[in-house]
Amino acid sequence: MTEDEQRASDFIAACAKEVSAYILRYADEAGLERSSFLVSVAAVLASSALAAQPEDQLGAASRHIQNALGLIHCLRDEEADNPMPAAAANAGFTAPQPSP
């Protein structure tokens, strides 16, 4: 990963953390179940992100989202097979890069 890619990844992670906290506060204020609300908002955001893509980038954007979702399943499968602290399991995690 280049320095620019690492910087972008760091900004994305910080943004996601802040936005997640904000979304969870909305759920709390509305008296809704937090994880379901977060998933619903994430689905709408993913749909909006795909809708905003130019036609020639739609496939790559869709694969990027699918890869991110797949990583979660892979990490959970690995944790089930080999339990370890979350910090250790996520060490060295980098966001998937879309195919050129």
PDB file of N, CA and C in Angstrom:
ATOM      1  N   MET A   1       0.848  -1.164   0.000  1.00  0.00           N
ATOM      2  CA  MET A   1       0.000   0.000   0.000  1.00  0.00           C
ATOM      3  C   MET A   1       0.898   1.233   0.000  1.00  0.00           C
ATOM      4  N   THR A   2       0.601   2.159  -0.891  1.00  0.00           N
ATOM      5  CA  THR A   2       1.391   3.380  -0.958  1.00  0.00           C
ATOM      6  C   THR A   2       1.046   4.297   0.216  1.00  0.00           C
ATOM      7  N   GLU A   3       1.864   5.315   0.403  1.00  0.00           N
ATOM      8  CA  GLU A   3       1.609   6.285   1.473  1.00  0.00           C
ATOM      9  C   GLU A   3       0.271   7.000   1.260  1.00  0.00           C
ATOM     10  N   ASP A   4      -0.031   7.361   0.016  1.00  0.00           N
ATOM     11  CA  ASP A   4      -1.312   8.015  -0.283  1.00  0.00           C
ATOM     12  C   ASP A   4      -2.495   7.086  -0.017  1.00  0.00           C
ATOM     13  N   GLU A   5      -2.357   5.815  -0.378  1.00  0.00           N
ATOM     14  CA  GLU A   5      -3.424   4.848  -0.115  1.00  0.00           C
ATOM     15  C   GLU A   5      -3.622   4.647   1.384  1.00  0.00           C
ATOM     16  N   GLN A   6      -2.522   4.601   2.128  1.00  0.00           N
ATOM     17  CA  GLN A   6      -2.616   4.450   3.585  1.00  0.00           C
ATOM     18  C   GLN A   6      -3.294   5.664   4.204  1.00  0.00           C
ATOM     19  N   ARG A   7      -2.941   6.841   3.725  1.00  0.00           N
ATOM     20  CA  ARG A   7      -3.558   8.078   4.236  1.00  0.00           C
ATOM     21  C   ARG A   7      -5.058   8.069   3.952  1.00  0.00           C
ATOM     22  N   ALA A   8      -5.437   7.696   2.741  1.00  0.00           N
ATOM     23  CA  ALA A   8      -6.859   7.625   2.390  1.00  0.00           C
ATOM     24  C   ALA A   8      -7.566   6.589   3.256  1.00  0.00           C
ATOM     25  N   SER A   9      -6.940   5.448   3.466  1.00  0.00           N
ATOM     26  CA  SER A   9      -7.520   4.397   4.297  1.00  0.00           C
ATOM     27  C   SER A   9      -7.718   4.878   5.733  1.00  0.00           C
ATOM     28  N   ASP A  10      -6.755   5.623   6.250  1.00  0.00           N
ATOM     29  CA  ASP A  10      -6.871   6.169   7.605  1.00  0.00           C
ATOM     30  C   ASP A  10      -8.032   7.147   7.710  1.00  0.00           C
ATOM     31  N   PHE A  11      -8.190   8.009   6.702  1.00  0.00           N
ATOM     32  CA  PHE A  11      -9.302   8.961   6.694  1.00  0.00           C
ATOM     33  C   PHE A  11     -10.645   8.235   6.595  1.00  0.00           C
ATOM     34  N   ILE A  12     -10.699   7.217   5.767  1.00  0.00           N
ATOM     35  CA  ILE A  12     -11.939   6.438   5.616  1.00  0.00           C
ATOM     36  C   ILE A  12     -12.303   5.782   6.945  1.00  0.00           C
ATOM     37  N   ALA A  13     -11.327   5.188   7.612  1.00  0.00           N
ATOM     38  CA  ALA A  13     -11.588   4.530   8.899  1.00  0.00           C
ATOM     39  C   ALA A  13     -12.062   5.532   9.947  1.00  0.00           C
ATOM     40  N   ALA A  14     -11.426   6.699   9.999  1.00  0.00           N
ATOM     41  CA  ALA A  14     -11.831   7.725  10.967  1.00  0.00           C
ATOM     42  C   ALA A  14     -13.244   8.219  10.676  1.00  0.00           C
ATOM     43  N   CYS A  15     -13.544   8.436   9.408  1.00  0.00           N
ATOM     44  CA  CYS A  15     -14.880   8.881   9.006  1.00  0.00           C
ATOM     45  C   CYS A  15     -15.922   7.836   9.383  1.00  0.00           C
ATOM     46  N   ALA A  16     -15.649   6.587   9.082  1.00  0.00           N
ATOM     47  CA  ALA A  16     -16.598   5.511   9.385  1.00  0.00           C
ATOM     48  C   ALA A  16     -16.852   5.408  10.885  1.00  0.00           C
ATOM     49  N   LYS A  17     -15.808   5.566  11.674  1.00  0.00           N
ATOM     50  CA  LYS A  17     -15.958   5.489  13.126  1.00  0.00           C
ATOM     51  C   LYS A  17     -16.848   6.622  13.634  1.00  0.00           C
ATOM     52  N   GLU A  18     -16.594   7.839  13.164  1.00  0.00           N
ATOM     53  CA  GLU A  18     -17.406   8.987  13.580  1.00  0.00           C
ATOM     54  C   GLU A  18     -18.852   8.842  13.128  1.00  0.00           C
ATOM     55  N   VAL A  19     -19.046   8.450  11.889  1.00  0.00           N
ATOM     56  CA  VAL A  19     -20.397   8.315  11.345  1.00  0.00           C
ATOM     57  C   VAL A  19     -21.159   7.209  12.070  1.00  0.00           C
ATOM     58  N   SER A  20     -20.504   6.105  12.356  1.00  0.00           N
ATOM     59  CA  SER A  20     -21.163   5.012  13.077  1.00  0.00           C
ATOM     60  C   SER A  20     -21.652   5.480  14.442  1.00  0.00           C
ATOM     61  N   ALA A  21     -20.819   6.226  15.149  1.00  0.00           N
ATOM     62  CA  ALA A  21     -21.218   6.735  16.467  1.00  0.00           C
ATOM     63  C   ALA A  21     -22.424   7.664  16.335  1.00  0.00           C
ATOM     64  N   TYR A  22     -22.408   8.492  15.320  1.00  0.00           N
ATOM     65  CA  TYR A  22     -23.515   9.424  15.080  1.00  0.00           C
ATOM     66  C   TYR A  22     -24.803   8.663  14.767  1.00  0.00           C
ATOM     67  N   ILE A  23     -24.716   7.648  13.930  1.00  0.00           N
ATOM     68  CA  ILE A  23     -25.885   6.830  13.567  1.00  0.00           C
ATOM     69  C   ILE A  23     -26.428   6.109  14.801  1.00  0.00           C
ATOM     70  N   LEU A  24     -25.544   5.594  15.635  1.00  0.00           N
ATOM     71  CA  LEU A  24     -25.985   4.893  16.841  1.00  0.00           C
ATOM     72  C   LEU A  24     -26.683   5.840  17.818  1.00  0.00           C
ATOM     73  N   ARG A  25     -26.232   7.096  17.865  1.00  0.00           N
ATOM     74  CA  ARG A  25     -26.932   8.081  18.702  1.00  0.00           C
ATOM     75  C   ARG A  25     -28.347   8.308  18.188  1.00  0.00           C
ATOM     76  N   TYR A  26     -28.510   8.371  16.868  1.00  0.00           N
ATOM     77  CA  TYR A  26     -29.849   8.497  16.280  1.00  0.00           C
ATOM     78  C   TYR A  26     -30.722   7.319  16.699  1.00  0.00           C
ATOM     79  N   ALA A  27     -30.182   6.123  16.645  1.00  0.00           N
ATOM     80  CA  ALA A  27     -30.944   4.935  17.043  1.00  0.00           C
ATOM     81  C   ALA A  27     -31.371   5.038  18.503  1.00  0.00           C
ATOM     82  N   ASP A  28     -30.438   5.450  19.356  1.00  0.00           N
ATOM     83  CA  ASP A  28     -30.752   5.590  20.778  1.00  0.00           C
ATOM     84  C   ASP A  28     -31.861   6.615  21.000  1.00  0.00           C
ATOM     85  N   GLU A  29     -31.745   7.768  20.323  1.00  0.00           N
ATOM     86  CA  GLU A  29     -32.746   8.823  20.472  1.00  0.00           C
ATOM     87  C   GLU A  29     -34.124   8.364  20.001  1.00  0.00           C
ATOM     88  N   ALA A  30     -34.146   7.515  18.988  1.00  0.00           N
ATOM     89  CA  ALA A  30     -35.419   7.019  18.448  1.00  0.00           C
ATOM     90  C   ALA A  30     -35.919   5.790  19.204  1.00  0.00           C
ATOM     91  N   GLY A  31     -35.104   5.270  20.120  1.00  0.00           N
ATOM     92  CA  GLY A  31     -35.496   4.082  20.868  1.00  0.00           C
ATOM     93  C   GLY A  31     -35.492   2.822  20.020  1.00  0.00           C
ATOM     94  N   LEU A  32     -34.631   2.805  18.992  1.00  0.00           N
ATOM     95  CA  LEU A  32     -34.553   1.659  18.086  1.00  0.00           C
ATOM     96  C   LEU A  32     -33.359   0.779  18.439  1.00  0.00           C
ATOM     97  N   GLU A  33     -33.427  -0.473  18.014  1.00  0.00           N
ATOM     98  CA  GLU A  33     -32.333  -1.410  18.242  1.00  0.00           C
ATOM     99  C   GLU A  33     -31.128  -0.952  17.422  1.00  0.00           C
ATOM    100  N   ARG A  34     -30.003  -0.763  18.088  1.00  0.00           N
ATOM    101  CA  ARG A  34     -28.835  -0.119  17.489  1.00  0.00           C
ATOM    102  C   ARG A  34     -28.269  -0.850  16.276  1.00  0.00           C
ATOM    103  N   SER A  35     -28.020  -2.148  16.403  1.00  0.00           N
ATOM    104  CA  SER A  35     -27.355  -2.850  15.298  1.00  0.00           C
ATOM    105  C   SER A  35     -28.249  -2.941  14.068  1.00  0.00           C
ATOM    106  N   SER A  36     -29.543  -3.159  14.246  1.00  0.00           N
ATOM    107  CA  SER A  36     -30.462  -3.200  13.098  1.00  0.00           C
ATOM    108  C   SER A  36     -30.526  -1.849  12.403  1.00  0.00           C
ATOM    109  N   PHE A  37     -30.576  -0.795  13.201  1.00  0.00           N
ATOM    110  CA  PHE A  37     -30.635   0.557  12.647  1.00  0.00           C
ATOM    111  C   PHE A  37     -29.361   0.860  11.855  1.00  0.00           C
ATOM    112  N   LEU A  38     -28.213   0.507  12.416  1.00  0.00           N
ATOM    113  CA  LEU A  38     -26.934   0.736  11.737  1.00  0.00           C
ATOM    114  C   LEU A  38     -26.876  -0.018  10.416  1.00  0.00           C
ATOM    115  N   VAL A  39     -27.328  -1.264  10.399  1.00  0.00           N
ATOM    116  CA  VAL A  39     -27.342  -2.059   9.165  1.00  0.00           C
ATOM    117  C   VAL A  39     -28.268  -1.420   8.132  1.00  0.00           C
ATOM    118  N   SER A  40     -29.433  -0.962   8.569  1.00  0.00           N
ATOM    119  CA  SER A  40     -30.383  -0.336   7.638  1.00  0.00           C
ATOM    120  C   SER A  40     -29.803   0.927   7.022  1.00  0.00           C
ATOM    121  N   VAL A  41     -29.181   1.759   7.847  1.00  0.00           N
ATOM    122  CA  VAL A  41     -28.576   2.992   7.331  1.00  0.00           C
ATOM    123  C   VAL A  41     -27.417   2.657   6.393  1.00  0.00           C
ATOM    124  N   ALA A  42     -26.602   1.670   6.756  1.00  0.00           N
ATOM    125  CA  ALA A  42     -25.481   1.275   5.899  1.00  0.00           C
ATOM    126  C   ALA A  42     -25.975   0.784   4.539  1.00  0.00           C
ATOM    127  N   ALA A  43     -27.073   0.041   4.527  1.00  0.00           N
ATOM    128  CA  ALA A  43     -27.631  -0.453   3.260  1.00  0.00           C
ATOM    129  C   ALA A  43     -28.092   0.702   2.382  1.00  0.00           C
ATOM    130  N   VAL A  44     -28.742   1.693   2.991  1.00  0.00           N
ATOM    131  CA  VAL A  44     -29.190   2.859   2.222  1.00  0.00           C
ATOM    132  C   VAL A  44     -27.987   3.637   1.692  1.00  0.00           C
ATOM    133  N   LEU A  45     -26.961   3.795   2.520  1.00  0.00           N
ATOM    134  CA  LEU A  45     -25.756   4.503   2.074  1.00  0.00           C
ATOM    135  C   LEU A  45     -25.057   3.763   0.936  1.00  0.00           C
ATOM    136  N   ALA A  46     -24.971   2.443   1.039  1.00  0.00           N
ATOM    137  CA  ALA A  46     -24.350   1.658  -0.034  1.00  0.00           C
ATOM    138  C   ALA A  46     -25.144   1.799  -1.326  1.00  0.00           C
ATOM    139  N   SER A  47     -26.463   1.747  -1.225  1.00  0.00           N
ATOM    140  CA  SER A  47     -27.309   1.916  -2.414  1.00  0.00           C
ATOM    141  C   SER A  47     -27.128   3.297  -3.024  1.00  0.00           C
ATOM    142  N   SER A  48     -27.072   4.306  -2.170  1.00  0.00           N
ATOM    143  CA  SER A  48     -26.876   5.679  -2.652  1.00  0.00           C
ATOM    144  C   SER A  48     -25.518   5.836  -3.319  1.00  0.00           C
ATOM    145  N   ALA A  49     -24.505   5.222  -2.720  1.00  0.00           N
ATOM    146  CA  ALA A  49     -23.161   5.302  -3.296  1.00  0.00           C
ATOM    147  C   ALA A  49     -23.127   4.659  -4.677  1.00  0.00           C
ATOM    148  N   LEU A  50     -23.781   3.517  -4.819  1.00  0.00           N
ATOM    149  CA  LEU A  50     -23.820   2.853  -6.128  1.00  0.00           C
ATOM    150  C   LEU A  50     -24.609   3.676  -7.136  1.00  0.00           C
ATOM    151  N   ALA A  51     -25.715   4.257  -6.700  1.00  0.00           N
ATOM    152  CA  ALA A  51     -26.538   5.061  -7.608  1.00  0.00           C
ATOM    153  C   ALA A  51     -25.789   6.292  -8.105  1.00  0.00           C
ATOM    154  N   ALA A  52     -24.849   6.785  -7.312  1.00  0.00           N
ATOM    155  CA  ALA A  52     -24.103   7.987  -7.684  1.00  0.00           C
ATOM    156  C   ALA A  52     -22.924   7.698  -8.612  1.00  0.00           C
ATOM    157  N   GLN A  53     -22.611   6.430  -8.836  1.00  0.00           N
ATOM    158  CA  GLN A  53     -21.454   6.073  -9.654  1.00  0.00           C
ATOM    159  C   GLN A  53     -21.740   6.242 -11.136  1.00  0.00           C
ATOM    160  N   PRO A  54     -20.746   6.722 -11.884  1.00  0.00           N
ATOM    161  CA  PRO A  54     -20.892   6.713 -13.342  1.00  0.00           C
ATOM    162  C   PRO A  54     -21.017   5.261 -13.815  1.00  0.00           C
ATOM    163  N   GLU A  55     -21.711   5.058 -14.888  1.00  0.00           N
ATOM    164  CA  GLU A  55     -21.979   3.703 -15.391  1.00  0.00           C
ATOM    165  C   GLU A  55     -20.697   2.883 -15.549  1.00  0.00           C
ATOM    166  N   ASP A  56     -19.624   3.516 -16.021  1.00  0.00           N
ATOM    167  CA  ASP A  56     -18.387   2.775 -16.258  1.00  0.00           C
ATOM    168  C   ASP A  56     -17.655   2.394 -14.968  1.00  0.00           C
ATOM    169  N   GLN A  57     -18.065   2.929 -13.827  1.00  0.00           N
ATOM    170  CA  GLN A  57     -17.429   2.598 -12.553  1.00  0.00           C
ATOM    171  C   GLN A  57     -18.344   1.788 -11.630  1.00  0.00           C
ATOM    172  N   LEU A  58     -19.555   1.540 -12.086  1.00  0.00           N
ATOM    173  CA  LEU A  58     -20.539   0.856 -11.250  1.00  0.00           C
ATOM    174  C   LEU A  58     -20.093  -0.553 -10.858  1.00  0.00           C
ATOM    175  N   GLY A  59     -19.563  -1.303 -11.795  1.00  0.00           N
ATOM    176  CA  GLY A  59     -19.112  -2.668 -11.502  1.00  0.00           C
ATOM    177  C   GLY A  59     -18.008  -2.696 -10.462  1.00  0.00           C
ATOM    178  N   ALA A  60     -17.022  -1.821 -10.612  1.00  0.00           N
ATOM    179  CA  ALA A  60     -15.912  -1.776  -9.652  1.00  0.00           C
ATOM    180  C   ALA A  60     -16.400  -1.348  -8.274  1.00  0.00           C
ATOM    181  N   ALA A  61     -17.307  -0.381  -8.230  1.00  0.00           N
ATOM    182  CA  ALA A  61     -17.845   0.077  -6.944  1.00  0.00           C
ATOM    183  C   ALA A  61     -18.637  -1.037  -6.268  1.00  0.00           C
ATOM    184  N   SER A  62     -19.422  -1.755  -7.042  1.00  0.00           N
ATOM    185  CA  SER A  62     -20.205  -2.860  -6.500  1.00  0.00           C
ATOM    186  C   SER A  62     -19.290  -3.957  -5.960  1.00  0.00           C
ATOM    187  N   ARG A  63     -18.241  -4.295  -6.701  1.00  0.00           N
ATOM    188  CA  ARG A  63     -17.285  -5.310  -6.239  1.00  0.00           C
ATOM    189  C   ARG A  63     -16.586  -4.855  -4.958  1.00  0.00           C
ATOM    190  N   HIS A  64     -16.269  -3.576  -4.876  1.00  0.00           N
ATOM    191  CA  HIS A  64     -15.612  -3.028  -3.688  1.00  0.00           C
ATOM    192  C   HIS A  64     -16.496  -3.235  -2.454  1.00  0.00           C
ATOM    193  N   ILE A  65     -17.782  -2.925  -2.581  1.00  0.00           N
ATOM    194  CA  ILE A  65     -18.720  -3.114  -1.470  1.00  0.00           C
ATOM    195  C   ILE A  65     -18.855  -4.600  -1.145  1.00  0.00           C
ATOM    196  N   GLN A  66     -18.972  -5.439  -2.169  1.00  0.00           N
ATOM    197  CA  GLN A  66     -19.097  -6.883  -1.946  1.00  0.00           C
ATOM    198  C   GLN A  66     -17.850  -7.443  -1.266  1.00  0.00           C
ATOM    199  N   ASN A  67     -16.673  -6.967  -1.671  1.00  0.00           N
ATOM    200  CA  ASN A  67     -15.427  -7.422  -1.047  1.00  0.00           C
ATOM    201  C   ASN A  67     -15.381  -7.026   0.424  1.00  0.00           C
ATOM    202  N   ALA A  68     -15.807  -5.801   0.727  1.00  0.00           N
ATOM    203  CA  ALA A  68     -15.821  -5.351   2.122  1.00  0.00           C
ATOM    204  C   ALA A  68     -16.757  -6.222   2.953  1.00  0.00           C
ATOM    205  N   LEU A  69     -17.918  -6.540   2.415  1.00  0.00           N
ATOM    206  CA  LEU A  69     -18.859  -7.410   3.129  1.00  0.00           C
ATOM    207  C   LEU A  69     -18.296  -8.816   3.269  1.00  0.00           C
ATOM    208  N   GLY A  70     -17.636  -9.294   2.244  1.00  0.00           N
ATOM    209  CA  GLY A  70     -17.024 -10.619   2.294  1.00  0.00           C
ATOM    210  C   GLY A  70     -15.932 -10.707   3.338  1.00  0.00           C
ATOM    211  N   LEU A  71     -15.180  -9.630   3.518  1.00  0.00           N
ATOM    212  CA  LEU A  71     -14.133  -9.632   4.531  1.00  0.00           C
ATOM    213  C   LEU A  71     -14.711  -9.820   5.921  1.00  0.00           C
ATOM    214  N   ILE A  72     -15.851  -9.225   6.183  1.00  0.00           N
ATOM    215  CA  ILE A  72     -16.492  -9.383   7.487  1.00  0.00           C
ATOM    216  C   ILE A  72     -16.831 -10.850   7.725  1.00  0.00           C
ATOM    217  N   HIS A  73     -17.409 -11.499   6.712  1.00  0.00           N
ATOM    218  CA  HIS A  73     -17.748 -12.919   6.853  1.00  0.00           C
ATOM    219  C   HIS A  73     -16.490 -13.757   7.060  1.00  0.00           C
ATOM    220  N   CYS A  74     -15.432 -13.455   6.320  1.00  0.00           N
ATOM    221  CA  CYS A  74     -14.184 -14.204   6.466  1.00  0.00           C
ATOM    222  C   CYS A  74     -13.611 -14.031   7.864  1.00  0.00           C
ATOM    223  N   LEU A  75     -13.605 -12.800   8.364  1.00  0.00           N
ATOM    224  CA  LEU A  75     -13.074 -12.549   9.696  1.00  0.00           C
ATOM    225  C   LEU A  75     -13.891 -13.282  10.753  1.00  0.00           C
ATOM    226  N   ARG A  76     -15.205 -13.270  10.602  1.00  0.00           N
ATOM    227  CA  ARG A  76     -16.053 -13.965  11.580  1.00  0.00           C
ATOM    228  C   ARG A  76     -15.835 -15.472  11.506  1.00  0.00           C
ATOM    229  N   ASP A  77     -15.680 -16.013  10.301  1.00  0.00           N
ATOM    230  CA  ASP A  77     -15.415 -17.447  10.164  1.00  0.00           C
ATOM    231  C   ASP A  77     -14.090 -17.809  10.822  1.00  0.00           C
ATOM    232  N   GLU A  78     -13.063 -16.972  10.607  1.00  0.00           N
ATOM    233  CA  GLU A  78     -11.758 -17.222  11.210  1.00  0.00           C
ATOM    234  C   GLU A  78     -11.839 -17.143  12.726  1.00  0.00           C
ATOM    235  N   GLU A  79     -12.591 -16.155  13.247  1.00  0.00           N
ATOM    236  CA  GLU A  79     -12.723 -16.014  14.690  1.00  0.00           C
ATOM    237  C   GLU A  79     -13.423 -17.230  15.288  1.00  0.00           C
ATOM    238  N   ALA A  80     -14.418 -17.754  14.591  1.00  0.00           N
ATOM    239  CA  ALA A  80     -15.136 -18.930  15.090  1.00  0.00           C
ATOM    240  C   ALA A  80     -14.213 -20.150  15.117  1.00  0.00           C
ATOM    241  N   ASP A  81     -13.341 -20.252  14.103  1.00  0.00           N
ATOM    242  CA  ASP A  81     -12.419 -21.382  14.027  1.00  0.00           C
ATOM    243  C   ASP A  81     -11.227 -21.232  14.966  1.00  0.00           C
ATOM    244  N   ASN A  82     -10.824 -19.975  15.221  1.00  0.00           N
ATOM    245  CA  ASN A  82      -9.628 -19.705  16.006  1.00  0.00           C
ATOM    246  C   ASN A  82      -9.845 -18.439  16.823  1.00  0.00           C
ATOM    247  N   PRO A  83     -10.583 -18.520  17.945  1.00  0.00           N
ATOM    248  CA  PRO A  83     -10.888 -17.322  18.731  1.00  0.00           C
ATOM    249  C   PRO A  83      -9.620 -16.617  19.202  1.00  0.00           C
ATOM    250  N   MET A  84      -9.622 -15.290  19.050  1.00  0.00           N
ATOM    251  CA  MET A  84      -8.527 -14.462  19.526  1.00  0.00           C
ATOM    252  C   MET A  84      -9.086 -13.078  19.801  1.00  0.00           C
ATOM    253  N   PRO A  85      -8.361 -12.249  20.550  1.00  0.00           N
ATOM    254  CA  PRO A  85      -8.855 -10.899  20.808  1.00  0.00           C
ATOM    255  C   PRO A  85      -9.085 -10.144  19.506  1.00  0.00           C
ATOM    256  N   ALA A  86     -10.105  -9.289  19.483  1.00  0.00           N
ATOM    257  CA  ALA A  86     -10.460  -8.550  18.268  1.00  0.00           C
ATOM    258  C   ALA A  86      -9.298  -7.729  17.744  1.00  0.00           C
ATOM    259  N   ALA A  87      -8.526  -7.102  18.635  1.00  0.00           N
ATOM    260  CA  ALA A  87      -7.405  -6.280  18.188  1.00  0.00           C
ATOM    261  C   ALA A  87      -6.399  -7.115  17.410  1.00  0.00           C
ATOM    262  N   ALA A  88      -6.134  -8.316  17.867  1.00  0.00           N
ATOM    263  CA  ALA A  88      -5.191  -9.186  17.167  1.00  0.00           C
ATOM    264  C   ALA A  88      -5.769  -9.657  15.844  1.00  0.00           C
ATOM    265  N   ALA A  89      -7.061  -9.937  15.821  1.00  0.00           N
ATOM    266  CA  ALA A  89      -7.698 -10.416  14.593  1.00  0.00           C
ATOM    267  C   ALA A  89      -7.698  -9.354  13.513  1.00  0.00           C
ATOM    268  N   ASN A  90      -7.778  -8.078  13.903  1.00  0.00           N
ATOM    269  CA  ASN A  90      -7.853  -6.993  12.926  1.00  0.00           C
ATOM    270  C   ASN A  90      -6.506  -6.357  12.646  1.00  0.00           C
ATOM    271  N   ALA A  91      -5.455  -6.816  13.267  1.00  0.00           N
ATOM    272  CA  ALA A  91      -4.137  -6.245  13.042  1.00  0.00           C
ATOM    273  C   ALA A  91      -3.760  -6.380  11.578  1.00  0.00           C
ATOM    274  N   GLY A  92      -3.303  -5.302  10.993  1.00  0.00           N
ATOM    275  CA  GLY A  92      -2.874  -5.319   9.607  1.00  0.00           C
ATOM    276  C   GLY A  92      -4.004  -5.279   8.606  1.00  0.00           C
ATOM    277  N   PHE A  93      -5.246  -5.082   9.044  1.00  0.00           N
ATOM    278  CA  PHE A  93      -6.378  -5.026   8.113  1.00  0.00           C
ATOM    279  C   PHE A  93      -6.259  -3.801   7.226  1.00  0.00           C
ATOM    280  N   THR A  94      -6.436  -3.992   5.947  1.00  0.00           N
ATOM    281  CA  THR A  94      -6.490  -2.875   5.008  1.00  0.00           C
ATOM    282  C   THR A  94      -7.748  -3.004   4.181  1.00  0.00           C
ATOM    283  N   ALA A  95      -8.295  -1.887   3.809  1.00  0.00           N
ATOM    284  CA  ALA A  95      -9.509  -1.882   2.999  1.00  0.00           C
ATOM    285  C   ALA A  95      -9.203  -2.462   1.629  1.00  0.00           C
ATOM    286  N   PRO A  96     -10.137  -3.214   1.060  1.00  0.00           N
ATOM    287  CA  PRO A  96      -9.914  -3.760  -0.274  1.00  0.00           C
ATOM    288  C   PRO A  96      -9.866  -2.649  -1.306  1.00  0.00           C
ATOM    289  N   GLN A  97      -9.044  -2.831  -2.307  1.00  0.00           N
ATOM    290  CA  GLN A  97      -8.931  -1.857  -3.384  1.00  0.00           C
ATOM    291  C   GLN A  97      -9.704  -2.367  -4.588  1.00  0.00           C
ATOM    292  N   PRO A  98     -10.463  -1.488  -5.252  1.00  0.00           N
ATOM    293  CA  PRO A  98     -11.209  -1.936  -6.425  1.00  0.00           C
ATOM    294  C   PRO A  98     -10.264  -2.369  -7.539  1.00  0.00           C
ATOM    295  N   SER A  99     -10.709  -3.323  -8.317  1.00  0.00           N
ATOM    296  CA  SER A  99      -9.917  -3.778  -9.455  1.00  0.00           C
ATOM    297  C   SER A  99      -9.851  -2.678 -10.494  1.00  0.00           C
ATOM    298  N   PRO A 100      -8.695  -2.542 -11.183  1.00  0.00           N
ATOM    299  CA  PRO A 100      -8.599  -1.488 -12.215  1.00  0.00           C
ATOM    300  C   PRO A 100      -9.475  -1.779 -13.410  1.00  0.00           C
TER     301      PRO A 100
END
